[in-house]
Amino acid sequence: MQVRRVLATATAVFLGVSSAWASAVETSLRPIMRPAPRAADPVDPVVQAASLALNSVSRAAPLTSIRPTVRPGFQAQPQPDPEPVEVIPVATQKGFEAWISGFRARALRAGISASIFDQAFKNVRYDPEVVRRDRNQSEFTKTIWDYLDSAASSTRVANGKKALRKHNKTLDRIEARYGVDKEVVVAIWGLESAYGTFRGDKPVIGSLATLAYDGRRGRFFEQQLIAALRILQSGDVKVSNFTGSWAGAMGHTQFIPTSYQALAVDFTGDGKRDIWSDDPTDALASTAAYLARYGWRKDAPWGVEVKLPRGFNYAQANRKTKKMPSDWAKLGVVGMNGKPVPDYGSASVLLPAGAQGAAFLIFKNFDVIERYNTADAYVIGVGHLADRIKGGGAIQAKWPRTDRALTFSERKEMQRLLTKRGFDTKGVDGKIGPLTIAAVRAYQRSIGMVPDGYASLNILKKLR
């Protein structure tokens, strides 16, 4: 499928496995797999984007509950019964080995040497845990504010500042070379692998082979597997060190194989693009190169928190409506200090939690970070963490913390009910994308609500 903004202004963020609550432990915070460069891009024409939930638990600290701390006096909303876990068909090692035999011929035709292939697949076995994680991603949800509480926790901010100081000379050189603000590179590092403390320990070949054999998105993962074999063939990494997440994302900043092939760089000059070792230099430079490739504008913000005026036309809060900040200011949209936002470039208004949450003017750099990962929560998390590492303050607006995220089945129910009432979502897939947001906004307008497009539990109750 093509890369698209399936989570724009969504209330929920997909997470692959439970992650520790921010106050207790810092973990990797990737809500979905970063897509490979789009099919139209010359650097990587064969790969189309995939949405995978990837979240890992730090080995450095004990796992804690993901349930947020309840504020004093707050009566928690009753939680829905857990959704049934999909039964995964039992695949046999024998069937997997037969698939490997067929794939070997395809890999050799793609230019992979027999010796590299046989070395890479020695002792590779089918991994049912990888398939379970892939199949059950959408059962896990988190509100935007819970996600950001962890993404820019005091621990992650402090560790980011420490990492910036430790690698400052290298980061200065990377910033000078690629024109990407070093704090943003560090923030991506912080969210992807908690500054290198969790880079993933799953064998990349085994994970990708399992997912390619599973067949749900076999073509995509077979492309990734071929790319992974080419990485081995290039000599950039040895099989023994070729590890990553359960879905094959690798290194300090979690590149997938095709993106690595297209955009990773050898910044140390040792002849290898080494994103796996304890030295993060090549990984950080590769991340900067990635952002530069998609048009990063140095010293311009990803977004700025703003105040909206009374009577604001919420129909204008969409990604297609772009104005210069000075023009937004004429409509009453100003910075939190009450002054117009500087004219960094055209911007749109983003309301990740609807009218009751924070509002942002978002700029070109938002779109660039989005190329790294399409989830709005991730982009805001990277941008806000970078701002905090740079010395900025916390988000000032209050979030609707009495709300909870809709479950996957509830999101599909909302889409069915909206369509049934004449507000067509153009499909029922459980993803709160632009079409569903537009349908929610039209429904809100029809019943006299503020048409902010926020797919909340309250909306679902009204539809019921």
Protein backbone atom coordinates (compact mmCIF):
# COMPACT_ATOMS: atom_id res chain seq x y z
CA MET A 1 0.00 0.00 0.00
CA GLN A 2 1.12 3.55 -0.57
CA VAL A 3 2.42 5.71 2.22
CA ARG A 4 -0.46 7.76 3.62
CA ARG A 5 -1.25 9.63 6.75
CA VAL A 6 -3.48 7.00 8.32
CA LEU A 7 -3.18 8.40 11.81
CA ALA A 8 -3.60 12.12 11.24
CA THR A 9 -5.35 13.67 14.24
CA ALA A 10 -6.14 10.20 15.53
CA THR A 11 -6.83 9.61 19.19
CA ALA A 12 -5.07 6.26 19.26
CA VAL A 13 -1.61 5.14 18.32
CA PHE A 14 -0.88 1.53 17.45
CA LEU A 15 1.72 -0.14 19.64
CA GLY A 16 3.14 -3.57 19.00
CA VAL A 17 3.73 -4.73 22.58
CA SER A 18 3.16 -3.12 25.95
CA SER A 19 5.71 -0.46 26.81
CA ALA A 20 6.76 0.67 30.25
CA TRP A 21 5.25 3.77 31.76
CA ALA A 22 7.51 6.73 31.18
CA SER A 23 8.23 7.59 34.80
CA ALA A 24 9.70 4.16 35.43
CA VAL A 25 11.64 3.12 32.39
CA GLU A 26 12.71 4.56 29.06
CA THR A 27 11.99 2.39 26.04
CA SER A 28 11.82 2.47 22.29
CA LEU A 29 8.71 4.38 21.24
CA ARG A 30 8.04 3.60 17.62
CA PRO A 31 4.28 3.37 17.05
CA ILE A 32 4.50 2.01 13.50
CA MET A 33 7.19 0.89 11.12
CA ARG A 34 8.90 3.73 9.36
CA PRO A 35 8.07 3.34 5.67
CA ALA A 36 10.72 2.86 3.06
CA PRO A 37 11.09 5.76 0.61
CA ARG A 38 7.92 5.99 -1.47
CA ALA A 39 7.48 4.02 -4.64
CA ALA A 40 7.79 7.17 -6.76
CA ASP A 41 11.18 8.06 -5.30
CA PRO A 42 14.14 7.13 -7.48
CA VAL A 43 16.25 6.09 -4.52
CA ASP A 44 14.07 3.10 -3.68
CA PRO A 45 11.41 2.35 -6.30
CA VAL A 46 10.50 -1.20 -5.35
CA VAL A 47 9.26 -0.69 -1.83
CA GLN A 48 5.84 0.40 -0.73
CA ALA A 49 5.07 1.52 2.78
CA ALA A 50 3.78 -0.79 5.48
CA SER A 51 2.24 0.04 8.85
CA LEU A 52 3.74 -2.18 11.52
CA ALA A 53 3.61 -1.60 15.21
CA LEU A 54 7.05 -1.78 16.68
CA ASN A 55 7.67 -1.24 20.33
CA SER A 56 10.37 -2.77 22.46
CA VAL A 57 11.00 -3.03 26.17
CA SER A 58 14.30 -1.89 27.60
CA ARG A 59 16.45 -4.63 29.06
CA ALA A 60 18.03 -2.13 31.41
CA ALA A 61 15.04 -1.78 33.75
CA PRO A 62 12.08 -3.90 34.87
CA LEU A 63 8.87 -3.80 32.88
CA THR A 64 6.06 -1.86 34.51
CA SER A 65 2.39 -1.38 33.77
CA ILE A 66 1.48 0.84 30.82
CA ARG A 67 -1.52 2.17 32.76
CA PRO A 68 -1.01 5.90 33.44
CA THR A 69 -1.05 7.18 36.99
CA VAL A 70 -4.57 8.28 37.90
CA ARG A 71 -4.75 11.92 38.96
CA PRO A 72 -6.14 12.61 42.45
CA GLY A 73 -9.91 12.85 42.38
CA PHE A 74 -10.15 11.37 38.92
CA GLN A 75 -12.71 8.62 38.41
CA ALA A 76 -11.38 6.27 35.77
CA GLN A 77 -13.60 5.38 32.85
CA PRO A 78 -14.57 1.70 32.71
CA GLN A 79 -12.37 -0.11 30.24
CA PRO A 80 -13.76 -2.38 27.53
CA ASP A 81 -13.26 -6.11 27.64
CA PRO A 82 -10.07 -7.12 25.87
CA GLU A 83 -10.55 -7.98 22.24
CA PRO A 84 -10.09 -11.61 21.22
CA VAL A 85 -6.62 -12.48 20.02
CA GLU A 86 -6.52 -13.81 16.51
CA VAL A 87 -5.67 -17.50 16.29
CA ILE A 88 -2.51 -17.92 14.26
CA PRO A 89 -2.46 -20.98 11.99
CA VAL A 90 0.30 -23.37 13.00
CA ALA A 91 3.10 -23.31 10.46
CA THR A 92 5.56 -26.15 10.41
CA GLN A 93 9.33 -25.92 10.24
CA LYS A 94 9.14 -28.36 7.33
CA GLY A 95 6.87 -26.00 5.39
CA PHE A 96 9.16 -23.09 6.24
CA GLU A 97 12.19 -24.97 4.96
CA ALA A 98 10.36 -25.75 1.73
CA TRP A 99 9.62 -22.04 1.32
CA ILE A 100 13.30 -21.22 1.96
CA SER A 101 14.28 -23.65 -0.79
CA GLY A 102 12.04 -21.85 -3.27
CA PHE A 103 13.15 -18.43 -2.06
CA ARG A 104 16.80 -19.40 -2.46
CA ALA A 105 16.36 -19.65 -6.21
CA ARG A 106 14.69 -16.23 -6.32
CA ALA A 107 17.44 -14.69 -4.19
CA LEU A 108 20.17 -16.10 -6.40
CA ARG A 109 18.42 -14.71 -9.48
CA ALA A 110 18.40 -11.32 -7.69
CA GLY A 111 22.19 -11.45 -7.43
CA ILE A 112 22.72 -12.96 -3.99
CA SER A 113 25.63 -15.39 -3.94
CA ALA A 114 24.95 -18.98 -2.89
CA SER A 115 27.58 -18.80 -0.16
CA ILE A 116 26.08 -15.64 1.39
CA PHE A 117 22.59 -17.13 1.24
CA ASP A 118 23.61 -20.40 2.84
CA GLN A 119 25.58 -18.63 5.55
CA ALA A 120 22.69 -16.29 6.31
CA PHE A 121 20.10 -19.07 6.52
CA LYS A 122 22.15 -21.47 8.58
CA ASN A 123 20.08 -22.40 11.65
CA VAL A 124 17.22 -20.04 10.68
CA ARG A 125 13.91 -21.30 12.01
CA TYR A 126 10.30 -20.19 11.76
CA ASP A 127 9.51 -17.78 14.64
CA PRO A 128 5.81 -17.85 15.63
CA GLU A 129 6.33 -14.97 18.09
CA VAL A 130 7.17 -12.66 15.18
CA VAL A 131 3.91 -13.62 13.45
CA ARG A 132 1.89 -13.10 16.62
CA ARG A 133 3.27 -9.60 17.01
CA ASP A 134 2.57 -8.79 13.37
CA ARG A 135 -1.01 -10.08 13.48
CA ASN A 136 -2.03 -8.51 16.78
CA GLN A 137 -0.61 -5.00 16.39
CA SER A 138 -3.90 -3.18 16.15
CA GLU A 139 -5.15 -4.53 19.48
CA PHE A 140 -2.83 -2.13 21.30
CA THR A 141 -3.74 1.53 21.61
CA LYS A 142 -2.47 4.56 23.46
CA THR A 143 -3.81 8.08 23.63
CA ILE A 144 -1.74 10.89 22.17
CA TRP A 145 -1.11 12.39 25.61
CA ASP A 146 0.00 9.07 27.11
CA TYR A 147 2.36 8.61 24.21
CA LEU A 148 3.80 12.11 24.57
CA ASP A 149 4.12 11.73 28.34
CA SER A 150 6.56 8.91 27.59
CA ALA A 151 8.15 10.39 24.47
CA ALA A 152 9.18 13.56 26.31
CA SER A 153 9.40 12.20 29.84
CA SER A 154 11.89 13.82 32.21
CA THR A 155 14.07 10.72 31.89
CA ARG A 156 14.10 10.78 28.10
CA VAL A 157 14.77 14.53 28.02
CA ALA A 158 17.62 14.25 30.52
CA ASN A 159 19.15 11.31 28.67
CA GLY A 160 18.81 13.21 25.40
CA LYS A 161 20.71 16.19 26.78
CA LYS A 162 23.37 13.82 28.08
CA ALA A 163 23.66 12.12 24.69
CA LEU A 164 23.88 15.51 22.97
CA ARG A 165 26.77 16.55 25.24
CA LYS A 166 28.59 13.24 24.86
CA HIS A 167 28.43 13.21 21.05
CA ASN A 168 28.35 16.96 20.48
CA LYS A 169 31.44 17.19 18.24
CA THR A 170 30.22 14.36 16.02
CA LEU A 171 26.71 15.79 15.90
CA ASP A 172 28.06 19.23 15.01
CA ARG A 173 29.88 17.69 12.04
CA ILE A 174 26.76 15.79 10.99
CA GLU A 175 24.65 18.94 11.25
CA ALA A 176 27.18 20.88 9.18
CA ARG A 177 27.27 18.15 6.51
CA TYR A 178 23.55 17.50 6.13
CA GLY A 179 21.90 20.67 7.41
CA VAL A 180 19.67 18.82 9.87
CA ASP A 181 19.35 20.12 13.44
CA LYS A 182 21.29 17.83 15.75
CA GLU A 183 18.58 17.87 18.42
CA VAL A 184 16.12 16.31 15.97
CA VAL A 185 18.59 13.54 15.11
CA VAL A 186 19.09 12.87 18.83
CA ALA A 187 15.32 12.86 19.41
CA ILE A 188 14.80 10.20 16.73
CA TRP A 189 17.59 8.19 18.34
CA GLY A 190 15.82 8.58 21.68
CA LEU A 191 12.46 7.35 20.43
CA GLU A 192 13.78 4.58 18.20
CA SER A 193 16.18 2.86 20.59
CA ALA A 194 16.29 4.89 23.82
CA TYR A 195 19.65 6.35 22.72
CA GLY A 196 21.03 3.00 21.68
CA THR A 197 20.16 1.04 24.82
CA PHE A 198 17.72 -1.18 22.91
CA ARG A 199 18.61 -1.84 19.31
CA GLY A 200 16.79 -5.16 19.05
CA ASP A 201 18.27 -8.63 19.43
CA LYS A 202 16.23 -10.63 16.93
CA PRO A 203 18.13 -12.11 13.97
CA VAL A 204 17.09 -9.94 11.02
CA ILE A 205 17.16 -12.76 8.49
CA GLY A 206 15.02 -15.04 10.66
CA SER A 207 12.42 -12.37 11.38
CA LEU A 208 12.08 -11.23 7.78
CA ALA A 209 12.03 -14.80 6.46
CA THR A 210 9.26 -15.69 8.92
CA LEU A 211 7.17 -12.69 7.86
CA ALA A 212 7.78 -13.33 4.16
CA TYR A 213 6.76 -16.98 4.57
CA ASP A 214 3.70 -16.03 6.65
CA GLY A 215 2.34 -14.38 3.53
CA ARG A 216 0.13 -11.64 4.99
CA ARG A 217 2.48 -9.10 3.43
CA GLY A 218 4.81 -11.60 1.87
CA ARG A 219 5.89 -9.50 -1.12
CA PHE A 220 6.92 -6.56 1.03
CA PHE A 221 8.91 -8.69 3.45
CA GLU A 222 10.52 -10.70 0.67
CA GLN A 223 11.78 -7.39 -0.76
CA GLN A 224 13.15 -6.49 2.66
CA LEU A 225 14.77 -9.92 2.93
CA ILE A 226 16.52 -9.56 -0.43
CA ALA A 227 17.76 -6.14 0.69
CA ALA A 228 18.99 -7.64 3.97
CA LEU A 229 20.96 -10.29 2.08
CA ARG A 230 22.50 -7.56 -0.06
CA ILE A 231 23.60 -5.78 3.11
CA LEU A 232 25.35 -8.96 4.24
CA GLN A 233 26.88 -9.39 0.80
CA SER A 234 28.25 -5.83 0.92
CA GLY A 235 30.23 -6.67 4.04
CA ASP A 236 28.77 -3.85 6.12
CA VAL A 237 27.80 -6.30 8.88
CA LYS A 238 28.43 -9.91 9.83
CA VAL A 239 25.64 -12.44 10.27
CA SER A 240 26.45 -12.71 13.99
CA ASN A 241 25.80 -8.98 14.48
CA PHE A 242 22.87 -8.70 12.07
CA THR A 243 20.11 -8.15 14.62
CA GLY A 244 17.15 -5.83 14.98
CA SER A 245 13.53 -5.61 16.00
CA TRP A 246 11.00 -8.39 15.45
CA ALA A 247 10.05 -6.86 12.07
CA GLY A 248 13.57 -6.33 10.82
CA ALA A 249 14.25 -2.68 11.72
CA MET A 250 17.91 -2.28 12.58
CA GLY A 251 20.44 -0.32 14.55
CA HIS A 252 20.43 2.78 16.70
CA THR A 253 17.79 4.53 14.60
CA GLN A 254 15.98 1.44 13.31
CA PHE A 255 16.38 1.49 9.54
CA ILE A 256 14.56 -1.15 7.52
CA PRO A 257 16.80 -2.86 4.95
CA THR A 258 15.64 -1.03 1.81
CA SER A 259 15.92 2.37 3.51
CA TYR A 260 19.37 1.40 4.74
CA GLN A 261 20.43 0.48 1.22
CA ALA A 262 19.13 3.75 -0.21
CA LEU A 263 20.15 6.25 2.44
CA ALA A 264 22.61 4.91 5.03
CA VAL A 265 26.06 6.54 4.97
CA ASP A 266 29.61 5.75 6.05
CA PHE A 267 30.34 8.88 8.07
CA THR A 268 33.35 7.43 9.93
CA GLY A 269 35.13 6.62 6.67
CA ASP A 270 35.99 3.05 7.63
CA GLY A 271 34.39 1.59 4.51
CA LYS A 272 31.29 0.29 6.29
CA ARG A 273 27.87 1.80 6.95
CA ASP A 274 27.76 0.46 10.49
CA ILE A 275 24.52 1.28 12.29
CA TRP A 276 24.73 -1.75 14.64
CA SER A 277 27.87 -1.18 16.73
CA ASP A 278 28.11 0.70 20.01
CA ASP A 279 29.47 3.71 18.12
CA PRO A 280 26.32 5.50 16.87
CA THR A 281 28.12 7.79 14.40
CA ASP A 282 27.04 6.12 11.15
CA ALA A 283 23.50 5.62 12.42
CA LEU A 284 23.11 9.28 13.44
CA ALA A 285 24.60 10.50 10.17
CA SER A 286 22.35 8.13 8.21
CA THR A 287 19.31 9.55 9.99
CA ALA A 288 20.40 13.09 9.12
CA ALA A 289 20.96 12.01 5.51
CA TYR A 290 17.47 10.51 5.45
CA LEU A 291 15.86 13.73 6.66
CA ALA A 292 17.98 15.85 4.34
CA ARG A 293 16.94 13.69 1.39
CA TYR A 294 13.32 14.63 2.01
CA GLY A 295 13.87 18.36 2.33
CA TRP A 296 14.66 19.23 5.94
CA ARG A 297 14.79 22.99 6.56
CA LYS A 298 17.43 23.83 9.16
CA ASP A 299 16.50 26.19 11.98
CA ALA A 300 12.81 26.03 11.06
CA PRO A 301 10.40 24.34 13.48
CA TRP A 302 8.49 21.12 12.92
CA GLY A 303 5.53 22.85 14.54
CA VAL A 304 4.57 25.48 17.09
CA GLU A 305 1.91 25.18 19.76
CA VAL A 306 -0.80 27.81 19.21
CA LYS A 307 -3.98 29.23 20.68
CA LEU A 308 -7.17 29.16 18.64
CA PRO A 309 -9.71 31.98 18.92
CA ARG A 310 -13.29 31.58 20.07
CA GLY A 311 -15.47 30.71 17.11
CA PHE A 312 -12.58 29.20 15.17
CA ASN A 313 -13.71 27.45 12.01
CA TYR A 314 -12.59 23.90 12.73
CA ALA A 315 -13.11 22.91 9.13
CA GLN A 316 -9.83 24.73 8.50
CA ALA A 317 -7.97 22.39 10.85
CA ASN A 318 -6.84 20.00 8.16
CA ARG A 319 -3.60 19.22 6.40
CA LYS A 320 -4.78 20.58 3.04
CA THR A 321 -5.50 24.07 4.36
CA LYS A 322 -2.17 25.90 4.46
CA LYS A 323 -1.52 29.56 5.21
CA MET A 324 1.42 31.65 6.28
CA PRO A 325 1.45 32.14 10.07
CA SER A 326 0.86 35.85 9.58
CA ASP A 327 -2.35 35.00 7.73
CA TRP A 328 -3.37 32.56 10.46
CA ALA A 329 -2.75 35.36 12.96
CA LYS A 330 -5.31 37.52 11.13
CA LEU A 331 -7.83 34.76 11.95
CA GLY A 332 -6.79 34.80 15.61
CA VAL A 333 -4.39 31.84 15.55
CA VAL A 334 -1.36 32.96 17.56
CA GLY A 335 1.48 31.50 19.59
CA MET A 336 1.06 30.65 23.25
CA ASN A 337 2.64 34.01 24.07
CA GLY A 338 -0.22 35.75 22.27
CA LYS A 339 2.00 36.93 19.42
CA PRO A 340 1.87 35.87 15.76
CA VAL A 341 4.06 32.90 14.92
CA PRO A 342 6.98 33.95 12.68
CA ASP A 343 6.56 33.23 8.99
CA TYR A 344 8.69 30.08 8.78
CA GLY A 345 6.67 28.96 5.77
CA SER A 346 3.15 27.80 5.00
CA ALA A 347 1.51 25.88 7.82
CA SER A 348 -1.63 23.95 8.65
CA VAL A 349 -3.48 23.55 11.94
CA LEU A 350 -3.22 20.14 13.61
CA LEU A 351 -5.52 19.07 16.47
CA PRO A 352 -4.28 15.63 17.56
CA ALA A 353 -6.91 15.40 20.32
CA GLY A 354 -9.62 17.60 18.87
CA ALA A 355 -10.80 20.95 20.18
CA GLN A 356 -10.20 19.97 23.80
CA GLY A 357 -6.46 19.34 23.39
CA ALA A 358 -3.36 21.11 22.17
CA ALA A 359 -3.30 22.82 18.78
CA PHE A 360 -0.24 23.20 16.56
CA LEU A 361 0.77 25.04 13.44
CA ILE A 362 2.81 22.44 11.55
CA PHE A 363 5.39 23.17 8.87
CA LYS A 364 7.41 21.43 6.15
CA ASN A 365 9.65 19.72 8.71
CA PHE A 366 6.61 17.93 10.12
CA ASP A 367 6.17 16.29 6.71
CA VAL A 368 9.88 15.38 6.64
CA ILE A 369 9.79 13.62 10.01
CA GLU A 370 6.62 11.93 8.82
CA ARG A 371 8.68 10.29 6.09
CA TYR A 372 10.57 8.54 8.88
CA ASN A 373 7.34 7.35 10.48
CA THR A 374 3.80 8.20 9.40
CA ALA A 375 2.13 8.38 12.83
CA ASP A 376 1.26 11.92 13.93
CA ALA A 377 2.04 10.98 17.53
CA TYR A 378 5.55 9.92 16.53
CA VAL A 379 6.18 13.12 14.60
CA ILE A 380 4.95 15.30 17.46
CA GLY A 381 6.96 13.14 19.87
CA VAL A 382 10.18 13.63 17.91
CA GLY A 383 9.60 17.35 17.43
CA HIS A 384 8.62 18.01 21.02
CA LEU A 385 11.46 15.90 22.45
CA ALA A 386 13.91 17.80 20.22
CA ASP A 387 12.50 21.09 21.50
CA ARG A 388 12.87 19.92 25.10
CA ILE A 389 16.44 18.74 24.52
CA LYS A 390 17.12 22.19 23.06
CA GLY A 391 15.80 23.77 26.27
CA GLY A 392 12.17 24.42 25.38
CA GLY A 393 9.23 23.94 27.71
CA ALA A 394 6.45 21.41 27.94
CA ILE A 395 3.25 21.54 25.89
CA GLN A 396 1.07 24.09 27.67
CA ALA A 397 -2.47 23.12 26.69
CA LYS A 398 -4.38 20.56 28.72
CA TRP A 399 -5.31 17.22 27.20
CA PRO A 400 -8.71 15.53 27.60
CA ARG A 401 -7.24 12.98 30.00
CA THR A 402 -10.63 11.60 31.01
CA ASP A 403 -10.91 10.16 27.50
CA ARG A 404 -9.49 6.81 26.55
CA ALA A 405 -8.35 5.50 23.21
CA LEU A 406 -10.82 3.57 21.10
CA THR A 407 -10.03 -0.08 20.64
CA PHE A 408 -9.53 -1.50 17.17
CA SER A 409 -13.03 -3.01 17.12
CA GLU A 410 -14.52 0.29 18.35
CA ARG A 411 -12.82 2.20 15.56
CA LYS A 412 -14.30 -0.21 13.02
CA GLU A 413 -17.69 0.08 14.71
CA MET A 414 -17.50 3.86 14.43
CA GLN A 415 -16.73 3.61 10.72
CA ARG A 416 -19.65 1.25 10.15
CA LEU A 417 -22.07 3.47 12.09
CA LEU A 418 -20.91 6.65 10.35
CA THR A 419 -21.33 5.05 6.94
CA LYS A 420 -24.74 3.68 7.89
CA ARG A 421 -25.87 7.20 8.83
CA GLY A 422 -24.74 8.58 5.48
CA PHE A 423 -21.25 9.79 6.46
CA ASP A 424 -19.24 7.42 4.30
CA THR A 425 -15.77 6.52 5.58
CA LYS A 426 -14.99 4.70 2.30
CA GLY A 427 -14.16 1.46 4.08
CA VAL A 428 -13.96 -0.18 7.49
CA ASP A 429 -10.34 -0.77 8.42
CA GLY A 430 -10.05 0.54 11.99
CA LYS A 431 -7.70 3.34 10.90
CA ILE A 432 -8.70 6.89 11.73
CA GLY A 433 -7.41 8.53 8.57
CA PRO A 434 -8.48 11.63 6.64
CA LEU A 435 -11.68 10.07 5.26
CA THR A 436 -12.88 8.95 8.68
CA ILE A 437 -11.96 12.31 10.19
CA ALA A 438 -13.98 14.05 7.47
CA ALA A 439 -16.93 11.76 8.18
CA VAL A 440 -16.70 12.45 11.91
CA ARG A 441 -16.55 16.19 11.22
CA ALA A 442 -19.65 16.02 8.99
CA TYR A 443 -21.52 14.02 11.64
CA GLN A 444 -20.53 16.49 14.36
CA ARG A 445 -21.75 19.37 12.22
CA SER A 446 -25.08 17.59 11.62
CA ILE A 447 -25.79 17.34 15.36
CA GLY A 448 -24.50 20.79 16.35
CA MET A 449 -21.17 19.73 17.85
CA VAL A 450 -17.84 21.46 17.31
CA PRO A 451 -16.69 19.87 14.02
CA ASP A 452 -13.12 19.11 15.04
CA GLY A 453 -13.07 15.62 13.50
CA TYR A 454 -11.93 14.02 16.76
CA ALA A 455 -12.95 10.35 16.81
CA SER A 456 -13.68 10.06 20.51
CA LEU A 457 -15.54 7.57 22.67
CA ASN A 458 -18.22 10.24 23.13
CA ILE A 459 -18.82 10.32 19.36
CA LEU A 460 -19.12 6.56 19.28
CA LYS A 461 -21.66 6.61 22.11
CA LYS A 462 -23.73 9.20 20.24
CA LEU A 463 -23.61 7.10 17.08
CA ARG A 464 -24.79 4.08 19.03
